[in-house]
Amino acid sequence: MPKARGRLYYSDTGRVLLEHNEEVSRWRRARKRFTVPVGRPEGELWLYVGEYEGNTVPLAIHVNGRRTTLRATGRERRMHWERVRVPKGALKRGANEVVLSTSADRPATWIIGAEPAAEARTSALSLDGGRSWSNAGMGVYALTPAEYLIRLWVDNAPAARPATFTFVAERPDHPQLKALARHFGLRETIRGKRHTYDKVRALMTQTARLWKVGQAPPGHPLNSPWDAFTITAWMDAGRVQNRLMPIAYCVHFGIILTQFCTALGIHARNVVMEDDIPECRGGHFVCEVWIPEWNRWIHVDPDHDEVFERAGVILNMAELCEACFDGGLKDVNPVRGPAWGYDPRINTNKPRRFEVIQQFRRWGVYPRNDYCSNPGVHPIQHGTGAYRQTHFLWYDHPKLERRRYFPHYFTDLAAVYAPPE
């Protein structure tokens, strides 16, 4: 499939608090500015938005004064991506302005993703119907400056070069990793196991049994941060700040296994997968670990205590993805550990042939595992909304068109699957 020529322009990183975003109305308007370096530009906007149940008011989108709309659906929708084609001739070379509002005096119609920021360079909020603008206190609680998750794809802009794969690794001597190994008895877990694969399988089973995944009851659940100690403390307590219910999904199993492996000197990274629906109703987050005895990376799923093999070889994510495209899944088999079925969402009495793998042909690598050293750079509230992070590196599969709201794609599989430094 030929790749669409064009480029994405954006100023956010996707670190959004899903419950604290911008509500718009006739009076409360959100503005985003872009600088486009090409003449006679045409393109599309990608908006990270949510919608209230029963909403009948369309979202008005003005691009340099030219109006288009996003129709209301009347059903509640969590934060997701929406594509809006820019009216022909509305964009121009140089400065461009996008304003979102509605015709209603009251909000509770549309929600615009707003990433808290130290300063807002390209976003602003008006509380008087567009007569004045400010970027001091934005979002529903006017707490901080923010960058709105409004991204612009320009069709005829020079295409970005494929991303170069680089990985930011955790410090192997980080004291928190040593504390993890002690607290969770990781050395006892791998005692007597010589092969790296056997060690990883034991760590994966231990991770899968840390808590049972389940949907939080109605209310305001709190998504766990990317820290093994916090995740497990919250899930053990069952109630956290302000008596909220903690949630920890596949992403948190993946993070913990990566931290467990790193604490024992095993190279590990996280891999993200996505289905073909832009709202991303189904995503998955797993690990790849380096097995030096085999000189290869392999895919491991600590949520389900499961790996996949073909002809006796444990596969990596790229190999599983190709099996989805070429019909090769019939030759792929799961290898399940003793914790498989611990997740109550899995009915072990029914055949389960790779539902996760078959759906998610899009995949990428989260290119860092320095969760202890640099907690402020990692995604927040990940696992309860559509993927939005700009620093994920997605594989540019030749049979798939790119998601135009993600900026970074790689093509060099050899670099991704090279031995770790």
Foldseek 3Di string as FASTA:
>chain_A
DDAFFWAKDFDDQQQFDQVWFAWAAQQKKKKFKDAAADFQWWWKKKFFKWFAAQAQWWKWKAKQRDTDTHGADNHTGGTFIDIGTDPRPSDGHTMMMIMIHTHHPDTRGMTWTWAFDQWEDGMWIGRGRPPDTDQAFGTPVRNGGTGTLMMIIIRPDGADDADDADFAEADLPPVVLVVVCVVLVLCVQCPPPDFPVVSLLSLLLSLQPLAAADDDDPDDAFEFALDLVRVSVLRVVQADPPRHGYHDAQQNSQSVSCSSCSSVVWHKFKKKFAFPDRQRPDIHMWMWTQGVVVQWIATARSNQSKFKDAPRHTHHLVVLLVCLVPVVLVRMDIDHDPSGCSHVVDDPVDDDRPPVSNRTNKMWTQRYSNCPPCVPPDHGPPPPGGDQGQRTEIEPDPVDHDDNNHRHYHDPVCSVIHDDD
